[in-house]
Amino acid sequence: MRPFHSSNHQTPMQRIFNYRHCRARRVVENAFGVLSSRFRKFRKPVIASEETVDEVVQAAVFLHNWLRNDDLRAGSNRYTSNVMFDTEFQDGTMREGIWRNDPAPTGLIPATRTTVRNSSQRAKGIKDMLAT
């Protein structure tokens, strides 16, 4: 989903939606960046059915959370440390997580532009509903 077009004529609702959309995208990017830095499976496209890919991602998230919680309970940083993740501070500045320094390619493939630039009325309606 695309954010609302940037312009001086955005409503406060559209600006808030764009801000939250951007934060959500960063969270997802951070999550898959950490997963791909820990699990090599995500460093290239997963060739499988959607259902299987969904289960693989869920299993990796479960395993990651279990290892991280075990690490926190033990009071150590063997698995991850707080510098692994992107951090946004109160003043709006960001510190990028060390997963971004991983030289291995990630499984996230850059989105390519298509010739069609117009979204459907249904998509616009959904975005408006979410913004509201």
N, C-alpha and C. Protein backbone atom coordinates (compact mmCIF):
# COMPACT_ATOMS: atom_id res chain seq x y z
N MET A 1 0.85 -1.17 0.00
CA MET A 1 0.00 0.00 0.00
C MET A 1 0.89 1.23 0.00
N ARG A 2 0.54 2.16 -0.82
CA ARG A 2 1.30 3.40 -0.91
C ARG A 2 0.77 4.42 0.09
N PRO A 3 1.66 5.30 0.57
CA PRO A 3 1.17 6.40 1.40
C PRO A 3 0.44 7.41 0.53
N PHE A 4 -0.24 8.35 1.18
CA PHE A 4 -0.87 9.43 0.44
C PHE A 4 0.22 10.27 -0.22
N HIS A 5 -0.10 10.85 -1.36
CA HIS A 5 0.86 11.66 -2.10
C HIS A 5 1.34 12.81 -1.22
N SER A 6 2.66 13.04 -1.21
CA SER A 6 3.22 14.14 -0.42
C SER A 6 2.93 15.46 -1.12
N SER A 7 2.32 16.35 -0.40
CA SER A 7 2.06 17.68 -0.93
C SER A 7 1.74 18.61 0.23
N ASN A 8 1.67 19.87 -0.08
CA ASN A 8 1.31 20.87 0.94
C ASN A 8 -0.18 20.84 1.25
N HIS A 9 -0.94 20.06 0.46
CA HIS A 9 -2.39 20.05 0.62
C HIS A 9 -2.88 18.80 1.36
N GLN A 10 -2.01 18.12 2.07
CA GLN A 10 -2.43 16.94 2.83
C GLN A 10 -3.26 17.37 4.03
N THR A 11 -4.26 16.57 4.32
CA THR A 11 -5.04 16.82 5.53
C THR A 11 -4.24 16.28 6.72
N PRO A 12 -4.56 16.72 7.93
CA PRO A 12 -3.88 16.15 9.10
C PRO A 12 -4.05 14.62 9.17
N MET A 13 -5.22 14.13 8.78
CA MET A 13 -5.47 12.69 8.78
C MET A 13 -4.50 11.97 7.83
N GLN A 14 -4.26 12.55 6.65
CA GLN A 14 -3.34 11.94 5.69
C GLN A 14 -1.90 11.98 6.19
N ARG A 15 -1.49 13.08 6.84
CA ARG A 15 -0.14 13.16 7.39
C ARG A 15 0.06 12.12 8.48
N ILE A 16 -0.92 11.95 9.34
CA ILE A 16 -0.83 10.95 10.41
C ILE A 16 -0.77 9.55 9.81
N PHE A 17 -1.61 9.29 8.80
CA PHE A 17 -1.58 7.98 8.15
C PHE A 17 -0.21 7.71 7.55
N ASN A 18 0.36 8.70 6.84
CA ASN A 18 1.67 8.50 6.22
C ASN A 18 2.75 8.22 7.26
N TYR A 19 2.69 8.93 8.39
CA TYR A 19 3.66 8.71 9.46
C TYR A 19 3.53 7.28 10.00
N ARG A 20 2.31 6.85 10.28
CA ARG A 20 2.10 5.51 10.82
C ARG A 20 2.43 4.43 9.79
N HIS A 21 2.14 4.70 8.53
CA HIS A 21 2.47 3.77 7.45
C HIS A 21 3.99 3.58 7.38
N CYS A 22 4.71 4.69 7.48
CA CYS A 22 6.18 4.65 7.43
C CYS A 22 6.73 3.87 8.62
N ARG A 23 6.19 4.09 9.81
CA ARG A 23 6.65 3.36 11.00
C ARG A 23 6.36 1.87 10.87
N ALA A 24 5.19 1.52 10.37
CA ALA A 24 4.85 0.11 10.20
C ALA A 24 5.79 -0.55 9.20
N ARG A 25 6.10 0.16 8.14
CA ARG A 25 7.03 -0.39 7.14
C ARG A 25 8.41 -0.62 7.75
N ARG A 26 8.87 0.31 8.58
CA ARG A 26 10.17 0.14 9.24
C ARG A 26 10.17 -1.06 10.17
N VAL A 27 9.07 -1.27 10.87
CA VAL A 27 8.97 -2.43 11.78
C VAL A 27 9.08 -3.73 10.99
N VAL A 28 8.35 -3.82 9.88
CA VAL A 28 8.39 -5.02 9.05
C VAL A 28 9.78 -5.21 8.45
N GLU A 29 10.36 -4.14 7.94
CA GLU A 29 11.70 -4.22 7.37
C GLU A 29 12.71 -4.67 8.42
N ASN A 30 12.60 -4.13 9.62
CA ASN A 30 13.49 -4.50 10.72
C ASN A 30 13.32 -5.98 11.07
N ALA A 31 12.07 -6.43 11.15
CA ALA A 31 11.81 -7.82 11.51
C ALA A 31 12.40 -8.79 10.48
N PHE A 32 12.16 -8.52 9.20
CA PHE A 32 12.71 -9.43 8.19
C PHE A 32 14.21 -9.28 8.05
N GLY A 33 14.75 -8.10 8.33
CA GLY A 33 16.20 -7.94 8.32
C GLY A 33 16.85 -8.77 9.41
N VAL A 34 16.27 -8.74 10.61
CA VAL A 34 16.81 -9.54 11.72
C VAL A 34 16.65 -11.03 11.41
N LEU A 35 15.47 -11.43 10.90
CA LEU A 35 15.27 -12.84 10.56
C LEU A 35 16.27 -13.31 9.51
N SER A 36 16.50 -12.49 8.48
CA SER A 36 17.42 -12.92 7.43
C SER A 36 18.86 -12.91 7.91
N SER A 37 19.19 -12.10 8.91
CA SER A 37 20.55 -12.13 9.44
C SER A 37 20.77 -13.34 10.34
N ARG A 38 19.69 -13.91 10.88
CA ARG A 38 19.80 -15.08 11.76
C ARG A 38 19.50 -16.39 11.06
N PHE A 39 18.60 -16.36 10.09
CA PHE A 39 18.19 -17.58 9.40
C PHE A 39 18.49 -17.42 7.91
N ARG A 40 19.43 -18.20 7.42
CA ARG A 40 19.87 -18.08 6.03
C ARG A 40 18.76 -18.33 5.02
N LYS A 41 17.73 -19.03 5.43
CA LYS A 41 16.61 -19.33 4.54
C LYS A 41 16.02 -18.07 3.92
N PHE A 42 16.08 -16.97 4.65
CA PHE A 42 15.45 -15.72 4.20
C PHE A 42 16.40 -14.82 3.42
N ARG A 43 17.58 -15.31 3.08
CA ARG A 43 18.54 -14.51 2.32
C ARG A 43 18.31 -14.59 0.82
N LYS A 44 17.37 -15.41 0.43
CA LYS A 44 16.99 -15.51 -0.98
C LYS A 44 15.50 -15.84 -1.03
N PRO A 45 14.88 -15.68 -2.16
CA PRO A 45 13.44 -15.96 -2.23
C PRO A 45 13.12 -17.39 -1.83
N VAL A 46 12.05 -17.57 -1.08
CA VAL A 46 11.59 -18.89 -0.66
C VAL A 46 10.67 -19.42 -1.76
N ILE A 47 11.08 -20.52 -2.35
CA ILE A 47 10.28 -21.13 -3.42
C ILE A 47 9.37 -22.16 -2.79
N ALA A 48 8.12 -21.80 -2.60
CA ALA A 48 7.14 -22.70 -1.99
C ALA A 48 5.76 -22.07 -2.16
N SER A 49 4.75 -22.84 -1.79
CA SER A 49 3.39 -22.30 -1.84
C SER A 49 3.23 -21.22 -0.77
N GLU A 50 2.23 -20.38 -0.93
CA GLU A 50 1.99 -19.32 0.05
C GLU A 50 1.78 -19.90 1.45
N GLU A 51 1.04 -20.99 1.52
CA GLU A 51 0.77 -21.61 2.82
C GLU A 51 2.06 -22.08 3.48
N THR A 52 2.94 -22.70 2.69
CA THR A 52 4.21 -23.19 3.24
C THR A 52 5.10 -22.03 3.67
N VAL A 53 5.16 -20.97 2.85
CA VAL A 53 5.96 -19.81 3.20
C VAL A 53 5.44 -19.19 4.49
N ASP A 54 4.14 -19.09 4.63
CA ASP A 54 3.53 -18.56 5.85
C ASP A 54 3.97 -19.38 7.06
N GLU A 55 3.94 -20.69 6.94
CA GLU A 55 4.34 -21.56 8.05
C GLU A 55 5.82 -21.45 8.35
N VAL A 56 6.65 -21.32 7.33
CA VAL A 56 8.10 -21.18 7.53
C VAL A 56 8.39 -19.88 8.27
N VAL A 57 7.75 -18.78 7.87
CA VAL A 57 7.96 -17.50 8.54
C VAL A 57 7.48 -17.57 9.98
N GLN A 58 6.31 -18.15 10.21
CA GLN A 58 5.79 -18.27 11.57
C GLN A 58 6.73 -19.10 12.45
N ALA A 59 7.27 -20.19 11.90
CA ALA A 59 8.20 -21.03 12.66
C ALA A 59 9.47 -20.26 12.99
N ALA A 60 9.97 -19.47 12.03
CA ALA A 60 11.19 -18.70 12.28
C ALA A 60 10.94 -17.62 13.34
N VAL A 61 9.79 -16.97 13.28
CA VAL A 61 9.46 -15.95 14.28
C VAL A 61 9.33 -16.59 15.66
N PHE A 62 8.66 -17.72 15.73
CA PHE A 62 8.52 -18.44 17.00
C PHE A 62 9.90 -18.80 17.56
N LEU A 63 10.76 -19.38 16.71
CA LEU A 63 12.09 -19.77 17.16
C LEU A 63 12.91 -18.56 17.58
N HIS A 64 12.84 -17.49 16.81
CA HIS A 64 13.56 -16.26 17.17
C HIS A 64 13.10 -15.74 18.53
N ASN A 65 11.77 -15.65 18.72
CA ASN A 65 11.24 -15.15 20.00
C ASN A 65 11.65 -16.05 21.16
N TRP A 66 11.61 -17.35 20.95
CA TRP A 66 12.01 -18.28 22.01
C TRP A 66 13.49 -18.09 22.36
N LEU A 67 14.35 -18.00 21.34
CA LEU A 67 15.78 -17.81 21.60
C LEU A 67 16.05 -16.47 22.27
N ARG A 68 15.35 -15.44 21.83
CA ARG A 68 15.55 -14.11 22.42
C ARG A 68 15.06 -14.08 23.87
N ASN A 69 13.89 -14.66 24.15
CA ASN A 69 13.38 -14.69 25.53
C ASN A 69 14.29 -15.53 26.42
N ASP A 70 14.78 -16.64 25.91
CA ASP A 70 15.71 -17.48 26.68
C ASP A 70 16.97 -16.68 27.00
N ASP A 71 17.45 -15.92 26.03
CA ASP A 71 18.63 -15.08 26.21
C ASP A 71 18.38 -14.02 27.29
N LEU A 72 17.21 -13.38 27.24
CA LEU A 72 16.87 -12.34 28.22
C LEU A 72 16.73 -12.92 29.62
N ARG A 73 16.10 -14.11 29.72
CA ARG A 73 15.96 -14.76 31.03
C ARG A 73 17.32 -15.11 31.61
N ALA A 74 18.25 -15.50 30.77
CA ALA A 74 19.59 -15.87 31.23
C ALA A 74 20.44 -14.64 31.53
N GLY A 75 19.95 -13.45 31.13
CA GLY A 75 20.69 -12.22 31.37
C GLY A 75 21.93 -12.09 30.50
N SER A 76 21.88 -12.68 29.33
CA SER A 76 23.05 -12.62 28.44
C SER A 76 22.66 -12.02 27.11
N ASN A 77 23.64 -11.80 26.29
CA ASN A 77 23.43 -11.29 24.93
C ASN A 77 24.02 -12.26 23.92
N ARG A 78 23.88 -13.55 24.17
CA ARG A 78 24.46 -14.52 23.25
C ARG A 78 23.72 -14.53 21.92
N TYR A 79 22.43 -14.42 21.95
CA TYR A 79 21.65 -14.50 20.71
C TYR A 79 21.50 -13.14 20.05
N THR A 80 20.98 -12.17 20.78
CA THR A 80 20.83 -10.81 20.24
C THR A 80 21.11 -9.80 21.33
N SER A 81 21.39 -8.61 20.89
CA SER A 81 21.50 -7.49 21.83
C SER A 81 20.62 -6.37 21.28
N ASN A 82 20.41 -5.35 22.08
CA ASN A 82 19.53 -4.27 21.65
C ASN A 82 20.07 -3.52 20.44
N VAL A 83 21.36 -3.58 20.19
CA VAL A 83 21.91 -2.90 19.02
C VAL A 83 21.62 -3.66 17.73
N MET A 84 21.08 -4.87 17.86
CA MET A 84 20.71 -5.66 16.68
C MET A 84 19.56 -4.99 15.92
N PHE A 85 18.68 -4.32 16.64
CA PHE A 85 17.44 -3.78 16.08
C PHE A 85 17.54 -2.29 15.83
N ASP A 86 16.75 -1.80 14.86
CA ASP A 86 16.62 -0.36 14.67
C ASP A 86 15.96 0.23 15.91
N THR A 87 16.38 1.43 16.29
CA THR A 87 15.81 2.08 17.46
C THR A 87 15.42 3.50 17.08
N GLU A 88 14.19 3.87 17.42
CA GLU A 88 13.73 5.25 17.21
C GLU A 88 13.66 5.92 18.57
N PHE A 89 14.30 7.08 18.69
CA PHE A 89 14.35 7.80 19.95
C PHE A 89 13.22 8.82 20.02
N GLN A 90 12.98 9.36 21.22
CA GLN A 90 11.88 10.30 21.44
C GLN A 90 11.98 11.54 20.55
N ASP A 91 13.20 11.97 20.23
CA ASP A 91 13.36 13.16 19.40
C ASP A 91 13.20 12.88 17.91
N GLY A 92 12.85 11.62 17.56
CA GLY A 92 12.61 11.27 16.16
C GLY A 92 13.83 10.76 15.42
N THR A 93 15.00 10.79 16.07
CA THR A 93 16.20 10.27 15.41
C THR A 93 16.18 8.75 15.44
N MET A 94 16.93 8.18 14.51
CA MET A 94 16.97 6.72 14.38
C MET A 94 18.41 6.24 14.54
N ARG A 95 18.54 5.07 15.16
CA ARG A 95 19.82 4.35 15.16
C ARG A 95 19.55 3.04 14.44
N GLU A 96 20.26 2.81 13.34
CA GLU A 96 20.04 1.59 12.59
C GLU A 96 20.65 0.41 13.32
N GLY A 97 19.96 -0.73 13.23
CA GLY A 97 20.45 -1.95 13.86
C GLY A 97 21.62 -2.53 13.09
N ILE A 98 22.43 -3.32 13.79
CA ILE A 98 23.62 -3.89 13.14
C ILE A 98 23.27 -4.94 12.10
N TRP A 99 22.02 -5.41 12.08
CA TRP A 99 21.64 -6.36 11.04
C TRP A 99 21.79 -5.73 9.66
N ARG A 100 21.72 -4.40 9.58
CA ARG A 100 21.85 -3.72 8.29
C ARG A 100 23.28 -3.78 7.75
N ASN A 101 24.24 -4.11 8.62
CA ASN A 101 25.64 -4.21 8.19
C ASN A 101 25.98 -5.59 7.64
N ASP A 102 25.03 -6.50 7.68
CA ASP A 102 25.26 -7.86 7.21
C ASP A 102 25.54 -7.82 5.71
N PRO A 103 26.72 -8.29 5.28
CA PRO A 103 27.05 -8.20 3.87
C PRO A 103 26.27 -9.19 2.99
N ALA A 104 25.67 -10.19 3.61
CA ALA A 104 24.94 -11.19 2.82
C ALA A 104 23.65 -10.57 2.29
N PRO A 105 23.27 -10.90 1.06
CA PRO A 105 22.02 -10.36 0.52
C PRO A 105 20.83 -10.91 1.30
N THR A 106 19.82 -10.08 1.43
CA THR A 106 18.62 -10.52 2.13
C THR A 106 17.63 -11.07 1.14
N GLY A 107 16.62 -11.74 1.65
CA GLY A 107 15.59 -12.31 0.80
C GLY A 107 14.61 -11.29 0.28
N LEU A 108 14.73 -10.06 0.72
CA LEU A 108 13.80 -9.04 0.26
C LEU A 108 14.26 -8.52 -1.09
N ILE A 109 13.42 -8.66 -2.07
CA ILE A 109 13.74 -8.22 -3.42
C ILE A 109 13.12 -6.84 -3.62
N PRO A 110 13.91 -5.87 -4.12
CA PRO A 110 13.34 -4.53 -4.30
C PRO A 110 12.12 -4.59 -5.23
N ALA A 111 11.10 -3.85 -4.86
CA ALA A 111 9.91 -3.79 -5.68
C ALA A 111 10.24 -3.05 -6.98
N THR A 112 9.75 -3.58 -8.07
CA THR A 112 9.99 -2.94 -9.36
C THR A 112 8.79 -2.09 -9.73
N ARG A 113 9.04 -1.05 -10.45
CA ARG A 113 7.96 -0.18 -10.89
C ARG A 113 7.21 -0.84 -12.03
N THR A 114 5.93 -0.63 -12.03
CA THR A 114 5.11 -1.12 -13.14
C THR A 114 4.68 0.08 -13.97
N THR A 115 4.14 -0.20 -15.12
CA THR A 115 3.70 0.91 -15.97
C THR A 115 2.38 1.49 -15.46
N VAL A 116 1.63 0.70 -14.72
CA VAL A 116 0.35 1.17 -14.19
C VAL A 116 0.62 1.97 -12.92
N ARG A 117 0.18 3.21 -12.88
CA ARG A 117 0.43 4.08 -11.74
C ARG A 117 -0.84 4.36 -10.92
N ASN A 118 -1.98 3.96 -11.42
CA ASN A 118 -3.23 4.26 -10.74
C ASN A 118 -3.68 3.07 -9.90
N SER A 119 -4.02 3.35 -8.68
CA SER A 119 -4.56 2.29 -7.84
C SER A 119 -6.06 2.20 -8.07
N SER A 120 -6.62 1.06 -7.73
CA SER A 120 -8.06 0.87 -7.93
C SER A 120 -8.84 1.70 -6.91
N GLN A 121 -10.09 1.93 -7.23
CA GLN A 121 -10.97 2.66 -6.31
C GLN A 121 -11.12 1.89 -5.00
N ARG A 122 -11.13 0.56 -5.10
CA ARG A 122 -11.23 -0.27 -3.89
C ARG A 122 -10.02 -0.05 -2.99
N ALA A 123 -8.82 -0.02 -3.59
CA ALA A 123 -7.59 0.19 -2.82
C ALA A 123 -7.61 1.57 -2.16
N LYS A 124 -8.05 2.58 -2.90
CA LYS A 124 -8.14 3.93 -2.34
C LYS A 124 -9.14 3.97 -1.19
N GLY A 125 -10.25 3.25 -1.35
CA GLY A 125 -11.26 3.19 -0.28
C GLY A 125 -10.71 2.54 0.98
N ILE A 126 -9.94 1.49 0.81
CA ILE A 126 -9.34 0.80 1.96
C ILE A 126 -8.36 1.73 2.67
N LYS A 127 -7.52 2.42 1.89
CA LYS A 127 -6.56 3.34 2.48
C LYS A 127 -7.28 4.47 3.24
N ASP A 128 -8.33 5.01 2.65
CA ASP A 128 -9.11 6.05 3.34
C ASP A 128 -9.74 5.53 4.62
N MET A 129 -10.25 4.29 4.57
CA MET A 129 -10.86 3.70 5.76
C MET A 129 -9.80 3.51 6.86
N LEU A 130 -8.61 3.03 6.49
CA LEU A 130 -7.55 2.86 7.48
C LEU A 130 -7.09 4.20 8.05
N ALA A 131 -7.04 5.21 7.21
CA ALA A 131 -6.63 6.53 7.66
C ALA A 131 -7.64 7.10 8.65
N THR A 132 -8.90 6.83 8.40
CA THR A 132 -9.95 7.32 9.30
C THR A 132 -9.90 6.59 10.62
